[in-house]
Amino acid sequence: MLKKSFRKLLSLVKLEAQFCFWRSGYLKKIGWIDSFRLKQPIDAEKQPLPWYTYPAIEYIKQLDFSDKEVFEYGSGNSTIFWSKLAKKVVSIENNKEWYQIISSRVGKNAEVKLIMDDASYIQEILNYESFDVILIDGSHRIDCAKAAINKLKSGGIIILDNSDWHVKTAKLLRDSNLIQVDMTGLGPINSYTWTTSFFLHRDFNLQPKGINQPEHGIGALKQYTKE
């Protein structure tokens, strides 16, 4: 009888913990519940997020990109997100319908270009000088990475999303003397985890926006120790 009551109590505790985690805990605070429900990469305030993992997004938010120029293979909510962070964004897209949606929503510092031809899409970055941040999150990722390597500014960063699926592309970037840092975890919309990888130039020098780095993350216990 006692054992049965204990099991019932334990089940109630587990149920309460699950409810807190889903409805009022981390997943709600990070915006995942609304993102999953609406099938859009958004935060808890329904503002656009890149479709990267949450650890990657939180790291990006700590850094100061206000004087940086960004090139993006594959437009989306990420284009809107980056246009609020960076000085300039050039984003290329090969899906006409998606291009029409995103191009109407970005700010004046973002240029979204529709490029349907595969070779032109891959090589578009060669028409520019260089960029502080290069995002590879569209089609033809390994070929885009090959084109992007020599267009990365000293101290810059290449971001490859779904790097756990694109392992040859990750190896190419890693073998190009870039420092690979993997950000694995949950992200918007999906119920599974994946990896967004950062490939840092050896002179990587992006500075934090605030006084502290790391900042407290979403859902963190906000306290400091006496050091």
C-alpha atoms as a PDB file:
ATOM      1  CA  MET A   1       0.000   0.000   0.000  1.00  0.00           C
ATOM      2  CA  LEU A   2       2.796   2.401   1.000  1.00  0.00           C
ATOM      3  CA  LYS A   3       4.797   1.508  -2.104  1.00  0.00           C
ATOM      4  CA  LYS A   4       1.757   2.133  -4.305  1.00  0.00           C
ATOM      5  CA  SER A   5       1.168   5.567  -2.725  1.00  0.00           C
ATOM      6  CA  PHE A   6       4.840   6.468  -3.158  1.00  0.00           C
ATOM      7  CA  ARG A   7       4.728   5.543  -6.846  1.00  0.00           C
ATOM      8  CA  LYS A   8       1.596   7.668  -7.312  1.00  0.00           C
ATOM      9  CA  LEU A   9       3.284  10.623  -5.601  1.00  0.00           C
ATOM     10  CA  LEU A  10       6.395  10.174  -7.731  1.00  0.00           C
ATOM     11  CA  SER A  11       4.261  10.152 -10.890  1.00  0.00           C
ATOM     12  CA  LEU A  12       2.616  13.416  -9.830  1.00  0.00           C
ATOM     13  CA  VAL A  13       6.013  15.009  -9.177  1.00  0.00           C
ATOM     14  CA  LYS A  14       7.257  13.914 -12.603  1.00  0.00           C
ATOM     15  CA  LEU A  15       4.096  15.237 -14.232  1.00  0.00           C
ATOM     16  CA  GLU A  16       4.501  18.599 -12.481  1.00  0.00           C
ATOM     17  CA  ALA A  17       8.158  18.794 -13.537  1.00  0.00           C
ATOM     18  CA  GLN A  18       7.254  18.049 -17.151  1.00  0.00           C
ATOM     19  CA  PHE A  19       4.483  20.658 -17.070  1.00  0.00           C
ATOM     20  CA  CYS A  20       6.869  23.312 -15.718  1.00  0.00           C
ATOM     21  CA  PHE A  21       9.517  22.430 -18.303  1.00  0.00           C
ATOM     22  CA  TRP A  22       7.103  22.606 -21.220  1.00  0.00           C
ATOM     23  CA  ARG A  23       4.613  25.308 -20.232  1.00  0.00           C
ATOM     24  CA  SER A  24       6.531  27.726 -18.007  1.00  0.00           C
ATOM     25  CA  GLY A  25      10.149  26.603 -18.064  1.00  0.00           C
ATOM     26  CA  TYR A  26      13.043  26.766 -20.486  1.00  0.00           C
ATOM     27  CA  LEU A  27      11.162  25.724 -23.623  1.00  0.00           C
ATOM     28  CA  LYS A  28       8.615  28.486 -23.122  1.00  0.00           C
ATOM     29  CA  LYS A  29      11.222  31.121 -22.253  1.00  0.00           C
ATOM     30  CA  ILE A  30      13.353  30.252 -25.281  1.00  0.00           C
ATOM     31  CA  GLY A  31      10.313  30.425 -27.556  1.00  0.00           C
ATOM     32  CA  TRP A  32      10.426  26.804 -28.647  1.00  0.00           C
ATOM     33  CA  ILE A  33       6.762  26.047 -27.871  1.00  0.00           C
ATOM     34  CA  ASP A  34       5.415  28.838 -30.101  1.00  0.00           C
ATOM     35  CA  SER A  35       8.056  28.055 -32.703  1.00  0.00           C
ATOM     36  CA  PHE A  36       7.043  24.398 -32.804  1.00  0.00           C
ATOM     37  CA  ARG A  37       3.342  25.269 -32.907  1.00  0.00           C
ATOM     38  CA  LEU A  38       3.633  27.946 -35.625  1.00  0.00           C
ATOM     39  CA  LYS A  39       6.427  26.180 -37.557  1.00  0.00           C
ATOM     40  CA  GLN A  40       8.513  29.339 -37.640  1.00  0.00           C
ATOM     41  CA  PRO A  41      11.943  30.125 -36.158  1.00  0.00           C
ATOM     42  CA  ILE A  42      10.915  32.770 -33.619  1.00  0.00           C
ATOM     43  CA  ASP A  43      11.684  33.662 -30.023  1.00  0.00           C
ATOM     44  CA  ALA A  44       9.303  34.000 -27.069  1.00  0.00           C
ATOM     45  CA  GLU A  45       8.294  37.503 -28.277  1.00  0.00           C
ATOM     46  CA  LYS A  46       7.658  36.028 -31.754  1.00  0.00           C
ATOM     47  CA  GLN A  47      10.644  37.910 -33.182  1.00  0.00           C
ATOM     48  CA  PRO A  48      12.580  36.233 -36.052  1.00  0.00           C
ATOM     49  CA  LEU A  49      15.418  33.885 -35.192  1.00  0.00           C
ATOM     50  CA  PRO A  50      17.861  32.073 -37.457  1.00  0.00           C
ATOM     51  CA  TRP A  51      17.105  28.378 -37.767  1.00  0.00           C
ATOM     52  CA  TYR A  52      20.285  27.481 -35.851  1.00  0.00           C
ATOM     53  CA  THR A  53      20.606  25.673 -32.548  1.00  0.00           C
ATOM     54  CA  TYR A  54      19.806  27.700 -29.437  1.00  0.00           C
ATOM     55  CA  PRO A  55      23.390  27.495 -28.093  1.00  0.00           C
ATOM     56  CA  ALA A  56      24.589  29.026 -31.387  1.00  0.00           C
ATOM     57  CA  ILE A  57      21.953  31.768 -31.276  1.00  0.00           C
ATOM     58  CA  GLU A  58      22.755  32.699 -27.688  1.00  0.00           C
ATOM     59  CA  TYR A  59      26.471  32.911 -28.491  1.00  0.00           C
ATOM     60  CA  ILE A  60      25.823  35.150 -31.515  1.00  0.00           C
ATOM     61  CA  LYS A  61      23.648  37.484 -29.435  1.00  0.00           C
ATOM     62  CA  GLN A  62      26.572  38.162 -27.082  1.00  0.00           C
ATOM     63  CA  LEU A  63      28.858  39.519 -29.799  1.00  0.00           C
ATOM     64  CA  ASP A  64      29.057  42.994 -31.320  1.00  0.00           C
ATOM     65  CA  PHE A  65      28.436  42.870 -35.085  1.00  0.00           C
ATOM     66  CA  SER A  66      27.452  46.532 -35.431  1.00  0.00           C
ATOM     67  CA  ASP A  67      30.342  47.346 -37.781  1.00  0.00           C
ATOM     68  CA  LYS A  68      30.447  43.952 -39.529  1.00  0.00           C
ATOM     69  CA  GLU A  69      29.417  42.867 -43.026  1.00  0.00           C
ATOM     70  CA  VAL A  70      27.628  39.549 -43.516  1.00  0.00           C
ATOM     71  CA  PHE A  71      27.198  37.292 -46.544  1.00  0.00           C
ATOM     72  CA  GLU A  72      24.513  34.625 -46.376  1.00  0.00           C
ATOM     73  CA  TYR A  73      23.881  31.577 -48.544  1.00  0.00           C
ATOM     74  CA  GLY A  74      20.166  30.886 -48.035  1.00  0.00           C
ATOM     75  CA  SER A  75      17.824  33.628 -46.822  1.00  0.00           C
ATOM     76  CA  GLY A  76      15.086  33.416 -44.191  1.00  0.00           C
ATOM     77  CA  ASN A  77      14.309  34.693 -40.716  1.00  0.00           C
ATOM     78  CA  SER A  78      18.075  34.642 -40.260  1.00  0.00           C
ATOM     79  CA  THR A  79      18.358  37.493 -42.789  1.00  0.00           C
ATOM     80  CA  ILE A  80      15.993  39.636 -40.718  1.00  0.00           C
ATOM     81  CA  PHE A  81      17.824  38.640 -37.519  1.00  0.00           C
ATOM     82  CA  TRP A  82      21.261  39.499 -38.908  1.00  0.00           C
ATOM     83  CA  SER A  83      20.072  42.786 -40.415  1.00  0.00           C
ATOM     84  CA  LYS A  84      19.314  43.937 -36.866  1.00  0.00           C
ATOM     85  CA  LEU A  85      22.802  43.002 -35.673  1.00  0.00           C
ATOM     86  CA  ALA A  86      25.167  43.848 -38.515  1.00  0.00           C
ATOM     87  CA  LYS A  87      26.151  46.887 -40.555  1.00  0.00           C
ATOM     88  CA  LYS A  88      25.333  45.179 -43.861  1.00  0.00           C
ATOM     89  CA  VAL A  89      23.868  41.869 -45.006  1.00  0.00           C
ATOM     90  CA  VAL A  90      23.989  40.350 -48.479  1.00  0.00           C
ATOM     91  CA  SER A  91      21.788  37.271 -48.756  1.00  0.00           C
ATOM     92  CA  ILE A  92      21.293  35.113 -51.819  1.00  0.00           C
ATOM     93  CA  GLU A  93      18.335  32.822 -52.432  1.00  0.00           C
ATOM     94  CA  ASN A  94      17.433  30.345 -55.184  1.00  0.00           C
ATOM     95  CA  ASN A  95      13.777  29.830 -54.260  1.00  0.00           C
ATOM     96  CA  LYS A  96      11.624  32.492 -55.915  1.00  0.00           C
ATOM     97  CA  GLU A  97       8.651  32.191 -53.573  1.00  0.00           C
ATOM     98  CA  TRP A  98      10.837  32.371 -50.481  1.00  0.00           C
ATOM     99  CA  TYR A  99      12.801  35.276 -51.967  1.00  0.00           C
ATOM    100  CA  GLN A 100       9.591  37.286 -52.419  1.00  0.00           C
ATOM    101  CA  ILE A 101       8.584  36.702 -48.806  1.00  0.00           C
ATOM    102  CA  ILE A 102      11.938  37.594 -47.250  1.00  0.00           C
ATOM    103  CA  SER A 103      12.918  40.485 -49.523  1.00  0.00           C
ATOM    104  CA  SER A 104       9.767  42.358 -48.484  1.00  0.00           C
ATOM    105  CA  ARG A 105      10.578  42.041 -44.775  1.00  0.00           C
ATOM    106  CA  VAL A 106      14.247  43.047 -44.439  1.00  0.00           C
ATOM    107  CA  GLY A 107      15.664  46.434 -43.504  1.00  0.00           C
ATOM    108  CA  LYS A 108      17.535  48.883 -45.740  1.00  0.00           C
ATOM    109  CA  ASN A 109      20.914  47.474 -44.724  1.00  0.00           C
ATOM    110  CA  ALA A 110      20.038  44.040 -46.160  1.00  0.00           C
ATOM    111  CA  GLU A 111      20.138  43.074 -49.827  1.00  0.00           C
ATOM    112  CA  VAL A 112      18.394  39.847 -50.821  1.00  0.00           C
ATOM    113  CA  LYS A 113      19.249  38.567 -54.303  1.00  0.00           C
ATOM    114  CA  LEU A 114      17.405  35.893 -56.269  1.00  0.00           C
ATOM    115  CA  ILE A 115      19.892  33.692 -58.132  1.00  0.00           C
ATOM    116  CA  MET A 116      18.415  30.606 -59.764  1.00  0.00           C
ATOM    117  CA  ASP A 117      21.463  29.352 -61.657  1.00  0.00           C
ATOM    118  CA  ASP A 118      23.515  26.953 -59.523  1.00  0.00           C
ATOM    119  CA  ALA A 119      26.964  28.122 -60.632  1.00  0.00           C
ATOM    120  CA  SER A 120      26.046  31.783 -60.216  1.00  0.00           C
ATOM    121  CA  TYR A 121      24.585  31.078 -56.776  1.00  0.00           C
ATOM    122  CA  ILE A 122      27.797  29.410 -55.611  1.00  0.00           C
ATOM    123  CA  GLN A 123      30.110  32.039 -57.080  1.00  0.00           C
ATOM    124  CA  GLU A 124      28.145  35.190 -56.183  1.00  0.00           C
ATOM    125  CA  ILE A 125      30.387  35.838 -53.193  1.00  0.00           C
ATOM    126  CA  LEU A 126      33.344  36.224 -55.571  1.00  0.00           C
ATOM    127  CA  ASN A 127      31.816  39.473 -56.833  1.00  0.00           C
ATOM    128  CA  TYR A 128      32.543  41.120 -53.468  1.00  0.00           C
ATOM    129  CA  GLU A 129      35.688  42.024 -51.582  1.00  0.00           C
ATOM    130  CA  SER A 130      35.373  40.104 -48.303  1.00  0.00           C
ATOM    131  CA  PHE A 131      33.088  39.621 -45.301  1.00  0.00           C
ATOM    132  CA  ASP A 132      33.405  39.446 -41.533  1.00  0.00           C
ATOM    133  CA  VAL A 133      30.721  36.763 -41.268  1.00  0.00           C
ATOM    134  CA  ILE A 134      29.774  34.165 -43.882  1.00  0.00           C
ATOM    135  CA  LEU A 135      26.701  32.022 -43.317  1.00  0.00           C
ATOM    136  CA  ILE A 136      26.296  28.715 -45.146  1.00  0.00           C
ATOM    137  CA  ASP A 137      22.728  27.553 -44.697  1.00  0.00           C
ATOM    138  CA  GLY A 138      21.370  27.039 -48.219  1.00  0.00           C
ATOM    139  CA  SER A 139      21.983  24.644 -51.083  1.00  0.00           C
ATOM    140  CA  HIS A 140      25.324  23.366 -52.524  1.00  0.00           C
ATOM    141  CA  ARG A 141      26.997  23.808 -49.151  1.00  0.00           C
ATOM    142  CA  ILE A 142      30.373  22.224 -49.873  1.00  0.00           C
ATOM    143  CA  ASP A 143      30.802  24.220 -53.095  1.00  0.00           C
ATOM    144  CA  CYS A 144      29.692  27.394 -51.321  1.00  0.00           C
ATOM    145  CA  ALA A 145      32.249  26.709 -48.592  1.00  0.00           C
ATOM    146  CA  LYS A 146      35.011  26.382 -51.180  1.00  0.00           C
ATOM    147  CA  ALA A 147      34.066  29.761 -52.633  1.00  0.00           C
ATOM    148  CA  ALA A 148      33.676  31.380 -49.222  1.00  0.00           C
ATOM    149  CA  ILE A 149      37.032  30.488 -47.681  1.00  0.00           C
ATOM    150  CA  ASN A 150      39.057  33.126 -49.529  1.00  0.00           C
ATOM    151  CA  LYS A 151      36.396  35.794 -48.937  1.00  0.00           C
ATOM    152  CA  LEU A 152      36.583  35.664 -45.151  1.00  0.00           C
ATOM    153  CA  LYS A 153      38.188  38.695 -43.548  1.00  0.00           C
ATOM    154  CA  SER A 154      41.003  38.252 -41.059  1.00  0.00           C
ATOM    155  CA  GLY A 155      39.452  37.724 -37.641  1.00  0.00           C
ATOM    156  CA  GLY A 156      36.095  36.685 -39.112  1.00  0.00           C
ATOM    157  CA  ILE A 157      33.850  33.659 -38.826  1.00  0.00           C
ATOM    158  CA  ILE A 158      32.073  31.168 -41.087  1.00  0.00           C
ATOM    159  CA  ILE A 159      28.904  29.580 -39.716  1.00  0.00           C
ATOM    160  CA  LEU A 160      27.749  26.242 -41.120  1.00  0.00           C
ATOM    161  CA  ASP A 161      24.334  25.036 -40.025  1.00  0.00           C
ATOM    162  CA  ASN A 162      23.450  21.328 -39.909  1.00  0.00           C
ATOM    163  CA  SER A 163      27.158  20.563 -39.830  1.00  0.00           C
ATOM    164  CA  ASP A 164      26.460  17.110 -38.403  1.00  0.00           C
ATOM    165  CA  TRP A 165      24.724  16.351 -41.725  1.00  0.00           C
ATOM    166  CA  HIS A 166      27.370  18.106 -43.848  1.00  0.00           C
ATOM    167  CA  VAL A 167      30.485  16.484 -42.422  1.00  0.00           C
ATOM    168  CA  LYS A 168      32.542  16.823 -45.617  1.00  0.00           C
ATOM    169  CA  THR A 169      31.847  20.543 -45.695  1.00  0.00           C
ATOM    170  CA  ALA A 170      32.834  20.800 -42.032  1.00  0.00           C
ATOM    171  CA  LYS A 171      36.092  18.957 -42.742  1.00  0.00           C
ATOM    172  CA  LEU A 172      36.846  21.230 -45.691  1.00  0.00           C
ATOM    173  CA  LEU A 173      36.504  24.312 -43.501  1.00  0.00           C
ATOM    174  CA  ARG A 174      38.435  22.747 -40.629  1.00  0.00           C
ATOM    175  CA  ASP A 175      41.243  21.720 -42.976  1.00  0.00           C
ATOM    176  CA  SER A 176      41.421  25.315 -44.226  1.00  0.00           C
ATOM    177  CA  ASN A 177      43.098  26.284 -40.947  1.00  0.00           C
ATOM    178  CA  LEU A 178      39.903  27.510 -39.340  1.00  0.00           C
ATOM    179  CA  ILE A 179      39.094  26.683 -35.713  1.00  0.00           C
ATOM    180  CA  GLN A 180      35.915  24.585 -35.456  1.00  0.00           C
ATOM    181  CA  VAL A 181      33.538  25.090 -32.528  1.00  0.00           C
ATOM    182  CA  ASP A 182      30.362  22.972 -32.526  1.00  0.00           C
ATOM    183  CA  MET A 183      27.106  24.161 -30.966  1.00  0.00           C
ATOM    184  CA  THR A 184      24.849  21.114 -30.573  1.00  0.00           C
ATOM    185  CA  GLY A 185      21.382  21.259 -29.074  1.00  0.00           C
ATOM    186  CA  LEU A 186      17.731  21.929 -29.614  1.00  0.00           C
ATOM    187  CA  GLY A 187      16.670  24.738 -31.929  1.00  0.00           C
ATOM    188  CA  PRO A 188      13.483  26.371 -33.220  1.00  0.00           C
ATOM    189  CA  ILE A 189      10.673  24.262 -34.706  1.00  0.00           C
ATOM    190  CA  ASN A 190      12.314  20.834 -34.537  1.00  0.00           C
ATOM    191  CA  SER A 191      11.872  18.247 -31.789  1.00  0.00           C
ATOM    192  CA  TYR A 192      15.352  16.809 -32.408  1.00  0.00           C
ATOM    193  CA  THR A 193      18.820  18.252 -31.833  1.00  0.00           C
ATOM    194  CA  TRP A 194      21.381  19.164 -34.480  1.00  0.00           C
ATOM    195  CA  THR A 195      24.665  21.069 -34.764  1.00  0.00           C
ATOM    196  CA  THR A 196      25.503  24.586 -35.887  1.00  0.00           C
ATOM    197  CA  SER A 197      29.273  24.987 -36.239  1.00  0.00           C
ATOM    198  CA  PHE A 198      31.446  28.093 -36.057  1.00  0.00           C
ATOM    199  CA  PHE A 199      34.690  28.186 -38.026  1.00  0.00           C
ATOM    200  CA  LEU A 200      36.896  30.920 -36.622  1.00  0.00           C
ATOM    201  CA  HIS A 201      39.728  32.641 -38.421  1.00  0.00           C
ATOM    202  CA  ARG A 202      42.975  32.212 -36.460  1.00  0.00           C
ATOM    203  CA  ASP A 203      42.879  35.949 -35.682  1.00  0.00           C
ATOM    204  CA  PHE A 204      39.251  35.832 -34.529  1.00  0.00           C
ATOM    205  CA  ASN A 205      38.621  39.056 -32.631  1.00  0.00           C
ATOM    206  CA  LEU A 206      34.882  39.724 -32.375  1.00  0.00           C
ATOM    207  CA  GLN A 207      34.162  41.586 -29.154  1.00  0.00           C
ATOM    208  CA  PRO A 208      31.272  41.086 -26.712  1.00  0.00           C
ATOM    209  CA  LYS A 209      28.434  43.624 -26.675  1.00  0.00           C
ATOM    210  CA  GLY A 210      28.304  43.817 -22.908  1.00  0.00           C
ATOM    211  CA  ILE A 211      30.730  43.914 -20.024  1.00  0.00           C
ATOM    212  CA  ASN A 212      30.501  40.182 -19.302  1.00  0.00           C
ATOM    213  CA  GLN A 213      30.999  37.162 -21.500  1.00  0.00           C
ATOM    214  CA  PRO A 214      29.311  34.802 -21.146  1.00  0.00           C
ATOM    215  CA  GLU A 215      26.106  36.569 -20.250  1.00  0.00           C
ATOM    216  CA  HIS A 216      23.407  34.677 -18.389  1.00  0.00           C
ATOM    217  CA  GLY A 217      21.478  32.594 -20.879  1.00  0.00           C
ATOM    218  CA  ILE A 218      17.719  32.364 -21.212  1.00  0.00           C
ATOM    219  CA  GLY A 219      16.371  30.418 -18.248  1.00  0.00           C
ATOM    220  CA  ALA A 220      19.636  30.766 -16.296  1.00  0.00           C
ATOM    221  CA  LEU A 221      19.940  31.250 -12.546  1.00  0.00           C
ATOM    222  CA  LYS A 222      21.195  34.867 -12.570  1.00  0.00           C
ATOM    223  CA  GLN A 223      23.842  35.081  -9.919  1.00  0.00           C
ATOM    224  CA  TYR A 224      27.565  35.715  -9.577  1.00  0.00           C
ATOM    225  CA  THR A 225      30.104  34.159  -7.226  1.00  0.00           C
ATOM    226  CA  LYS A 226      32.703  36.050  -5.222  1.00  0.00           C
ATOM    227  CA  GLU A 227      35.921  35.494  -7.142  1.00  0.00           C
END
